[in-house]
Amino acid sequence: MINKIDLKELKLLFKDNKCVLIEDFDNAIIGIKEGFHKAAVYDTYLCINILIEKGMNQEQATDYFYKKVVDHHVGFYCPIFIKTI
């Protein structure tokens, strides 16, 4: 059986591979992109929920997430955002 990696181990792996992490969104990390340029993988819905928990409404959180988080992070080591099903 394959064991899943825990968040502490994952954060060390991110650091070792120069991955960009987003402050305050640790609870939205769901994995790491494999390959030559590794990247942190975040759940879009969890990110938006974190913003809502900080006091934004749904529309403000969604708008902020796409304009200030997703569009701001580009490049090889920047995070990947996915919508889970």
PDB file of N, CA and C in Angstrom:
ATOM      1  N   MET A   1       0.839  -1.182   0.000  1.00  0.00           N
ATOM      2  CA  MET A   1       0.000   0.000   0.000  1.00  0.00           C
ATOM      3  C   MET A   1       0.886   1.248   0.000  1.00  0.00           C
ATOM      4  N   ILE A   2       0.488   2.255  -0.762  1.00  0.00           N
ATOM      5  CA  ILE A   2       1.240   3.500  -0.837  1.00  0.00           C
ATOM      6  C   ILE A   2       0.747   4.441   0.250  1.00  0.00           C
ATOM      7  N   ASN A   3       1.685   5.017   1.006  1.00  0.00           N
ATOM      8  CA  ASN A   3       1.330   5.960   2.056  1.00  0.00           C
ATOM      9  C   ASN A   3       1.267   7.372   1.499  1.00  0.00           C
ATOM     10  N   LYS A   4       0.266   8.127   1.931  1.00  0.00           N
ATOM     11  CA  LYS A   4       0.157   9.521   1.526  1.00  0.00           C
ATOM     12  C   LYS A   4       1.143  10.354   2.343  1.00  0.00           C
ATOM     13  N   ILE A   5       1.603  11.435   1.747  1.00  0.00           N
ATOM     14  CA  ILE A   5       2.524  12.344   2.409  1.00  0.00           C
ATOM     15  C   ILE A   5       1.722  13.322   3.269  1.00  0.00           C
ATOM     16  N   ASP A   6       2.249  13.713   4.435  1.00  0.00           N
ATOM     17  CA  ASP A   6       1.516  14.674   5.263  1.00  0.00           C
ATOM     18  C   ASP A   6       1.954  16.098   4.917  1.00  0.00           C
ATOM     19  N   LEU A   7       1.223  17.082   5.430  1.00  0.00           N
ATOM     20  CA  LEU A   7       1.457  18.480   5.073  1.00  0.00           C
ATOM     21  C   LEU A   7       2.859  18.939   5.459  1.00  0.00           C
ATOM     22  N   LYS A   8       3.366  18.480   6.588  1.00  0.00           N
ATOM     23  CA  LYS A   8       4.709  18.873   7.034  1.00  0.00           C
ATOM     24  C   LYS A   8       5.760  18.394   6.025  1.00  0.00           C
ATOM     25  N   GLU A   9       5.660  17.144   5.605  1.00  0.00           N
ATOM     26  CA  GLU A   9       6.588  16.596   4.606  1.00  0.00           C
ATOM     27  C   GLU A   9       6.440  17.308   3.268  1.00  0.00           C
ATOM     28  N   LEU A  10       5.196  17.606   2.925  1.00  0.00           N
ATOM     29  CA  LEU A  10       4.903  18.285   1.666  1.00  0.00           C
ATOM     30  C   LEU A  10       5.533  19.670   1.644  1.00  0.00           C
ATOM     31  N   LYS A  11       5.451  20.409   2.754  1.00  0.00           N
ATOM     32  CA  LYS A  11       6.034  21.752   2.818  1.00  0.00           C
ATOM     33  C   LYS A  11       7.557  21.701   2.683  1.00  0.00           C
ATOM     34  N   LEU A  12       8.182  20.670   3.233  1.00  0.00           N
ATOM     35  CA  LEU A  12       9.632  20.505   3.057  1.00  0.00           C
ATOM     36  C   LEU A  12       9.960  20.228   1.591  1.00  0.00           C
ATOM     37  N   LEU A  13       9.154  19.418   0.944  1.00  0.00           N
ATOM     38  CA  LEU A  13       9.330  19.122  -0.474  1.00  0.00           C
ATOM     39  C   LEU A  13       9.166  20.388  -1.313  1.00  0.00           C
ATOM     40  N   PHE A  14       8.172  21.224  -0.964  1.00  0.00           N
ATOM     41  CA  PHE A  14       7.984  22.497  -1.662  1.00  0.00           C
ATOM     42  C   PHE A  14       9.227  23.372  -1.533  1.00  0.00           C
ATOM     43  N   LYS A  15       9.735  23.475  -0.309  1.00  0.00           N
ATOM     44  CA  LYS A  15      10.906  24.316  -0.048  1.00  0.00           C
ATOM     45  C   LYS A  15      12.117  23.818  -0.832  1.00  0.00           C
ATOM     46  N   ASP A  16      12.344  22.528  -0.813  1.00  0.00           N
ATOM     47  CA  ASP A  16      13.477  21.935  -1.523  1.00  0.00           C
ATOM     48  C   ASP A  16      13.384  22.129  -3.035  1.00  0.00           C
ATOM     49  N   ASN A  17      12.176  22.300  -3.558  1.00  0.00           N
ATOM     50  CA  ASN A  17      11.976  22.427  -5.003  1.00  0.00           C
ATOM     51  C   ASN A  17      11.596  23.842  -5.442  1.00  0.00           C
ATOM     52  N   LYS A  18      11.831  24.824  -4.566  1.00  0.00           N
ATOM     53  CA  LYS A  18      11.611  26.245  -4.878  1.00  0.00           C
ATOM     54  C   LYS A  18      10.158  26.584  -5.192  1.00  0.00           C
ATOM     55  N   CYS A  19       9.229  25.781  -4.733  1.00  0.00           N
ATOM     56  CA  CYS A  19       7.808  26.030  -5.004  1.00  0.00           C
ATOM     57  C   CYS A  19       7.333  27.290  -4.289  1.00  0.00           C
ATOM     58  N   VAL A  20       6.525  28.055  -4.974  1.00  0.00           N
ATOM     59  CA  VAL A  20       5.917  29.253  -4.389  1.00  0.00           C
ATOM     60  C   VAL A  20       4.670  28.826  -3.624  1.00  0.00           C
ATOM     61  N   LEU A  21       4.587  29.255  -2.367  1.00  0.00           N
ATOM     62  CA  LEU A  21       3.402  28.978  -1.554  1.00  0.00           C
ATOM     63  C   LEU A  21       2.673  30.285  -1.294  1.00  0.00           C
ATOM     64  N   ILE A  22       1.372  30.202  -1.084  1.00  0.00           N
ATOM     65  CA  ILE A  22       0.562  31.384  -0.830  1.00  0.00           C
ATOM     66  C   ILE A  22       0.274  31.471   0.664  1.00  0.00           C
ATOM     67  N   GLU A  23       0.646  32.594   1.239  1.00  0.00           N
ATOM     68  CA  GLU A  23       0.446  32.810   2.663  1.00  0.00           C
ATOM     69  C   GLU A  23      -1.031  32.694   3.020  1.00  0.00           C
ATOM     70  N   ASP A  24      -1.312  32.047   4.135  1.00  0.00           N
ATOM     71  CA  ASP A  24      -2.664  31.871   4.684  1.00  0.00           C
ATOM     72  C   ASP A  24      -3.538  30.860   3.951  1.00  0.00           C
ATOM     73  N   PHE A  25      -3.005  30.156   2.967  1.00  0.00           N
ATOM     74  CA  PHE A  25      -3.811  29.188   2.226  1.00  0.00           C
ATOM     75  C   PHE A  25      -3.337  27.741   2.428  1.00  0.00           C
ATOM     76  N   ASP A  26      -2.617  27.474   3.514  1.00  0.00           N
ATOM     77  CA  ASP A  26      -2.113  26.121   3.763  1.00  0.00           C
ATOM     78  C   ASP A  26      -3.220  25.070   3.781  1.00  0.00           C
ATOM     79  N   ASN A  27      -4.380  25.430   4.314  1.00  0.00           N
ATOM     80  CA  ASN A  27      -5.480  24.458   4.405  1.00  0.00           C
ATOM     81  C   ASN A  27      -6.103  24.129   3.061  1.00  0.00           C
ATOM     82  N   ALA A  28      -5.694  24.835   2.017  1.00  0.00           N
ATOM     83  CA  ALA A  28      -6.224  24.572   0.675  1.00  0.00           C
ATOM     84  C   ALA A  28      -5.245  23.761  -0.180  1.00  0.00           C
ATOM     85  N   ILE A  29      -4.069  23.445   0.375  1.00  0.00           N
ATOM     86  CA  ILE A  29      -3.089  22.642  -0.362  1.00  0.00           C
ATOM     87  C   ILE A  29      -3.600  21.208  -0.449  1.00  0.00           C
ATOM     88  N   ILE A  30      -3.615  20.685  -1.668  1.00  0.00           N
ATOM     89  CA  ILE A  30      -4.086  19.300  -1.829  1.00  0.00           C
ATOM     90  C   ILE A  30      -3.026  18.396  -2.442  1.00  0.00           C
ATOM     91  N   GLY A  31      -1.870  18.965  -2.821  1.00  0.00           N
ATOM     92  CA  GLY A  31      -0.841  18.110  -3.382  1.00  0.00           C
ATOM     93  C   GLY A  31       0.287  18.883  -4.025  1.00  0.00           C
ATOM     94  N   ILE A  32       1.071  18.153  -4.805  1.00  0.00           N
ATOM     95  CA  ILE A  32       2.207  18.724  -5.509  1.00  0.00           C
ATOM     96  C   ILE A  32       2.208  18.200  -6.941  1.00  0.00           C
ATOM     97  N   LYS A  33       2.473  19.097  -7.886  1.00  0.00           N
ATOM     98  CA  LYS A  33       2.582  18.704  -9.292  1.00  0.00           C
ATOM     99  C   LYS A  33       3.939  18.044  -9.472  1.00  0.00           C
ATOM    100  N   GLU A  34       3.950  16.880 -10.035  1.00  0.00           N
ATOM    101  CA  GLU A  34       5.188  16.166 -10.307  1.00  0.00           C
ATOM    102  C   GLU A  34       5.789  16.643 -11.615  1.00  0.00           C
ATOM    103  N   GLY A  35       7.040  16.310 -11.842  1.00  0.00           N
ATOM    104  CA  GLY A  35       7.700  16.669 -13.079  1.00  0.00           C
ATOM    105  C   GLY A  35       8.939  17.496 -12.824  1.00  0.00           C
ATOM    106  N   PHE A  36       9.499  18.050 -13.893  1.00  0.00           N
ATOM    107  CA  PHE A  36      10.743  18.819 -13.797  1.00  0.00           C
ATOM    108  C   PHE A  36      10.577  20.028 -12.894  1.00  0.00           C
ATOM    109  N   HIS A  37       9.512  20.794 -13.091  1.00  0.00           N
ATOM    110  CA  HIS A  37       9.212  21.940 -12.239  1.00  0.00           C
ATOM    111  C   HIS A  37       8.035  21.568 -11.354  1.00  0.00           C
ATOM    112  N   LYS A  38       8.331  21.245 -10.106  1.00  0.00           N
ATOM    113  CA  LYS A  38       7.267  20.895  -9.173  1.00  0.00           C
ATOM    114  C   LYS A  38       6.522  22.167  -8.784  1.00  0.00           C
ATOM    115  N   ALA A  39       5.270  22.029  -8.371  1.00  0.00           N
ATOM    116  CA  ALA A  39       4.464  23.171  -7.954  1.00  0.00           C
ATOM    117  C   ALA A  39       3.430  22.725  -6.940  1.00  0.00           C
ATOM    118  N   ALA A  40       3.109  23.624  -6.021  1.00  0.00           N
ATOM    119  CA  ALA A  40       2.051  23.368  -5.053  1.00  0.00           C
ATOM    120  C   ALA A  40       0.714  23.357  -5.793  1.00  0.00           C
ATOM    121  N   VAL A  41      -0.174  22.463  -5.377  1.00  0.00           N
ATOM    122  CA  VAL A  41      -1.504  22.377  -5.978  1.00  0.00           C
ATOM    123  C   VAL A  41      -2.528  22.755  -4.904  1.00  0.00           C
ATOM    124  N   TYR A  42      -3.361  23.725  -5.247  1.00  0.00           N
ATOM    125  CA  TYR A  42      -4.386  24.228  -4.335  1.00  0.00           C
ATOM    126  C   TYR A  42      -5.775  23.932  -4.892  1.00  0.00           C
ATOM    127  N   ASP A  43      -6.721  23.694  -3.990  1.00  0.00           N
ATOM    128  CA  ASP A  43      -8.121  23.522  -4.350  1.00  0.00           C
ATOM    129  C   ASP A  43      -8.759  24.908  -4.412  1.00  0.00           C
ATOM    130  N   THR A  44      -9.261  25.287  -5.574  1.00  0.00           N
ATOM    131  CA  THR A  44      -9.871  26.598  -5.774  1.00  0.00           C
ATOM    132  C   THR A  44     -10.977  26.866  -4.758  1.00  0.00           C
ATOM    133  N   TYR A  45     -11.870  25.908  -4.570  1.00  0.00           N
ATOM    134  CA  TYR A  45     -13.001  26.101  -3.670  1.00  0.00           C
ATOM    135  C   TYR A  45     -12.554  26.299  -2.223  1.00  0.00           C
ATOM    136  N   LEU A  46     -11.534  25.562  -1.807  1.00  0.00           N
ATOM    137  CA  LEU A  46     -11.020  25.735  -0.450  1.00  0.00           C
ATOM    138  C   LEU A  46     -10.392  27.113  -0.277  1.00  0.00           C
ATOM    139  N   CYS A  47      -9.702  27.605  -1.302  1.00  0.00           N
ATOM    140  CA  CYS A  47      -9.109  28.947  -1.245  1.00  0.00           C
ATOM    141  C   CYS A  47     -10.195  30.001  -1.074  1.00  0.00           C
ATOM    142  N   ILE A  48     -11.245  29.901  -1.857  1.00  0.00           N
ATOM    143  CA  ILE A  48     -12.346  30.870  -1.772  1.00  0.00           C
ATOM    144  C   ILE A  48     -13.027  30.775  -0.408  1.00  0.00           C
ATOM    145  N   ASN A  49     -13.205  29.581   0.103  1.00  0.00           N
ATOM    146  CA  ASN A  49     -13.808  29.421   1.434  1.00  0.00           C
ATOM    147  C   ASN A  49     -12.953  30.052   2.523  1.00  0.00           C
ATOM    148  N   ILE A  50     -11.643  29.982   2.401  1.00  0.00           N
ATOM    149  CA  ILE A  50     -10.741  30.626   3.363  1.00  0.00           C
ATOM    150  C   ILE A  50     -10.978  32.135   3.362  1.00  0.00           C
ATOM    151  N   LEU A  51     -11.128  32.710   2.173  1.00  0.00           N
ATOM    152  CA  LEU A  51     -11.390  34.148   2.069  1.00  0.00           C
ATOM    153  C   LEU A  51     -12.749  34.508   2.674  1.00  0.00           C
ATOM    154  N   ILE A  52     -13.736  33.655   2.482  1.00  0.00           N
ATOM    155  CA  ILE A  52     -15.063  33.883   3.071  1.00  0.00           C
ATOM    156  C   ILE A  52     -14.970  33.833   4.596  1.00  0.00           C
ATOM    157  N   GLU A  53     -14.209  32.882   5.118  1.00  0.00           N
ATOM    158  CA  GLU A  53     -14.019  32.775   6.566  1.00  0.00           C
ATOM    159  C   GLU A  53     -13.331  34.007   7.140  1.00  0.00           C
ATOM    160  N   LYS A  54     -12.560  34.706   6.317  1.00  0.00           N
ATOM    161  CA  LYS A  54     -11.878  35.928   6.756  1.00  0.00           C
ATOM    162  C   LYS A  54     -12.783  37.155   6.673  1.00  0.00           C
ATOM    163  N   GLY A  55     -14.039  36.982   6.198  1.00  0.00           N
ATOM    164  CA  GLY A  55     -14.992  38.069   6.228  1.00  0.00           C
ATOM    165  C   GLY A  55     -15.514  38.557   4.887  1.00  0.00           C
ATOM    166  N   MET A  56     -15.035  38.005   3.798  1.00  0.00           N
ATOM    167  CA  MET A  56     -15.554  38.411   2.487  1.00  0.00           C
ATOM    168  C   MET A  56     -16.832  37.646   2.189  1.00  0.00           C
ATOM    169  N   ASN A  57     -17.704  38.254   1.355  1.00  0.00           N
ATOM    170  CA  ASN A  57     -18.855  37.489   0.893  1.00  0.00           C
ATOM    171  C   ASN A  57     -18.418  36.657  -0.310  1.00  0.00           C
ATOM    172  N   GLN A  58     -19.302  35.813  -0.818  1.00  0.00           N
ATOM    173  CA  GLN A  58     -18.971  34.893  -1.915  1.00  0.00           C
ATOM    174  C   GLN A  58     -18.423  35.638  -3.136  1.00  0.00           C
ATOM    175  N   GLU A  59     -19.103  36.705  -3.534  1.00  0.00           N
ATOM    176  CA  GLU A  59     -18.697  37.451  -4.724  1.00  0.00           C
ATOM    177  C   GLU A  59     -17.341  38.132  -4.521  1.00  0.00           C
ATOM    178  N   GLN A  60     -17.143  38.756  -3.374  1.00  0.00           N
ATOM    179  CA  GLN A  60     -15.867  39.417  -3.081  1.00  0.00           C
ATOM    180  C   GLN A  60     -14.724  38.406  -3.051  1.00  0.00           C
ATOM    181  N   ALA A  61     -14.961  37.274  -2.408  1.00  0.00           N
ATOM    182  CA  ALA A  61     -13.928  36.248  -2.284  1.00  0.00           C
ATOM    183  C   ALA A  61     -13.541  35.676  -3.647  1.00  0.00           C
ATOM    184  N   THR A  62     -14.535  35.400  -4.465  1.00  0.00           N
ATOM    185  CA  THR A  62     -14.283  34.849  -5.799  1.00  0.00           C
ATOM    186  C   THR A  62     -13.525  35.858  -6.655  1.00  0.00           C
ATOM    187  N   ASP A  63     -13.970  37.100  -6.622  1.00  0.00           N
ATOM    188  CA  ASP A  63     -13.329  38.164  -7.392  1.00  0.00           C
ATOM    189  C   ASP A  63     -11.876  38.355  -6.945  1.00  0.00           C
ATOM    190  N   TYR A  64     -11.676  38.441  -5.638  1.00  0.00           N
ATOM    191  CA  TYR A  64     -10.333  38.617  -5.081  1.00  0.00           C
ATOM    192  C   TYR A  64      -9.436  37.438  -5.472  1.00  0.00           C
ATOM    193  N   PHE A  65      -9.955  36.234  -5.328  1.00  0.00           N
ATOM    194  CA  PHE A  65      -9.168  35.041  -5.628  1.00  0.00           C
ATOM    195  C   PHE A  65      -8.648  35.048  -7.062  1.00  0.00           C
ATOM    196  N   TYR A  66      -9.529  35.324  -8.013  1.00  0.00           N
ATOM    197  CA  TYR A  66      -9.107  35.283  -9.416  1.00  0.00           C
ATOM    198  C   TYR A  66      -8.235  36.470  -9.813  1.00  0.00           C
ATOM    199  N   LYS A  67      -8.514  37.640  -9.279  1.00  0.00           N
ATOM    200  CA  LYS A  67      -7.750  38.829  -9.664  1.00  0.00           C
ATOM    201  C   LYS A  67      -6.440  38.992  -8.909  1.00  0.00           C
ATOM    202  N   LYS A  68      -6.430  38.655  -7.625  1.00  0.00           N
ATOM    203  CA  LYS A  68      -5.266  38.916  -6.784  1.00  0.00           C
ATOM    204  C   LYS A  68      -4.417  37.689  -6.481  1.00  0.00           C
ATOM    205  N   VAL A  69      -4.979  36.519  -6.649  1.00  0.00           N
ATOM    206  CA  VAL A  69      -4.221  35.303  -6.338  1.00  0.00           C
ATOM    207  C   VAL A  69      -3.851  34.564  -7.619  1.00  0.00           C
ATOM    208  N   VAL A  70      -4.832  34.122  -8.368  1.00  0.00           N
ATOM    209  CA  VAL A  70      -4.568  33.321  -9.569  1.00  0.00           C
ATOM    210  C   VAL A  70      -3.782  34.118 -10.609  1.00  0.00           C
ATOM    211  N   ASP A  71      -4.260  35.308 -10.940  1.00  0.00           N
ATOM    212  CA  ASP A  71      -3.604  36.108 -11.980  1.00  0.00           C
ATOM    213  C   ASP A  71      -2.243  36.640 -11.552  1.00  0.00           C
ATOM    214  N   HIS A  72      -1.990  36.665 -10.255  1.00  0.00           N
ATOM    215  CA  HIS A  72      -0.724  37.188  -9.728  1.00  0.00           C
ATOM    216  C   HIS A  72       0.394  36.146  -9.766  1.00  0.00           C
ATOM    217  N   HIS A  73       0.047  34.886  -9.729  1.00  0.00           N
ATOM    218  CA  HIS A  73       1.041  33.818  -9.643  1.00  0.00           C
ATOM    219  C   HIS A  73       1.248  33.159 -11.004  1.00  0.00           C
ATOM    220  N   VAL A  74       2.365  33.485 -11.627  1.00  0.00           N
ATOM    221  CA  VAL A  74       2.716  32.879 -12.908  1.00  0.00           C
ATOM    222  C   VAL A  74       4.181  32.457 -12.880  1.00  0.00           C
ATOM    223  N   GLY A  75       4.535  31.477 -13.683  1.00  0.00           N
ATOM    224  CA  GLY A  75       5.916  31.025 -13.752  1.00  0.00           C
ATOM    225  C   GLY A  75       6.053  29.547 -13.437  1.00  0.00           C
ATOM    226  N   PHE A  76       7.273  29.072 -13.551  1.00  0.00           N
ATOM    227  CA  PHE A  76       7.544  27.644 -13.376  1.00  0.00           C
ATOM    228  C   PHE A  76       7.198  27.101 -11.996  1.00  0.00           C
ATOM    229  N   TYR A  77       7.513  27.834 -10.940  1.00  0.00           N
ATOM    230  CA  TYR A  77       7.363  27.301  -9.586  1.00  0.00           C
ATOM    231  C   TYR A  77       6.113  27.802  -8.878  1.00  0.00           C
ATOM    232  N   CYS A  78       5.292  28.550  -9.593  1.00  0.00           N
ATOM    233  CA  CYS A  78       4.079  29.107  -8.995  1.00  0.00           C
ATOM    234  C   CYS A  78       3.013  28.025  -8.853  1.00  0.00           C
ATOM    235  N   PRO A  79       2.105  28.256  -7.927  1.00  0.00           N
ATOM    236  CA  PRO A  79       1.092  27.238  -7.652  1.00  0.00           C
ATOM    237  C   PRO A  79       0.116  26.994  -8.802  1.00  0.00           C
ATOM    238  N   ILE A  80      -0.511  25.846  -8.701  1.00  0.00           N
ATOM    239  CA  ILE A  80      -1.553  25.440  -9.644  1.00  0.00           C
ATOM    240  C   ILE A  80      -2.853  25.406  -8.844  1.00  0.00           C
ATOM    241  N   PHE A  81      -3.910  25.909  -9.448  1.00  0.00           N
ATOM    242  CA  PHE A  81      -5.224  25.923  -8.805  1.00  0.00           C
ATOM    243  C   PHE A  81      -6.161  25.033  -9.608  1.00  0.00           C
ATOM    244  N   ILE A  82      -6.835  24.129  -8.906  1.00  0.00           N
ATOM    245  CA  ILE A  82      -7.770  23.248  -9.590  1.00  0.00           C
ATOM    246  C   ILE A  82      -9.114  23.261  -8.893  1.00  0.00           C
ATOM    247  N   LYS A  83     -10.151  22.987  -9.663  1.00  0.00           N
ATOM    248  CA  LYS A  83     -11.478  22.819  -9.103  1.00  0.00           C
ATOM    249  C   LYS A  83     -11.718  21.318  -8.969  1.00  0.00           C
ATOM    250  N   THR A  84     -11.904  20.880  -7.749  1.00  0.00           N
ATOM    251  CA  THR A  84     -12.122  19.459  -7.513  1.00  0.00           C
ATOM    252  C   THR A  84     -13.573  19.096  -7.787  1.00  0.00           C
ATOM    253  N   ILE A  85     -13.793  17.834  -8.116  1.00  0.00           N
ATOM    254  CA  ILE A  85     -15.161  17.375  -8.363  1.00  0.00           C
ATOM    255  C   ILE A  85     -15.496  16.248  -7.399  1.00  0.00           C
TER     256      ILE A  85
END
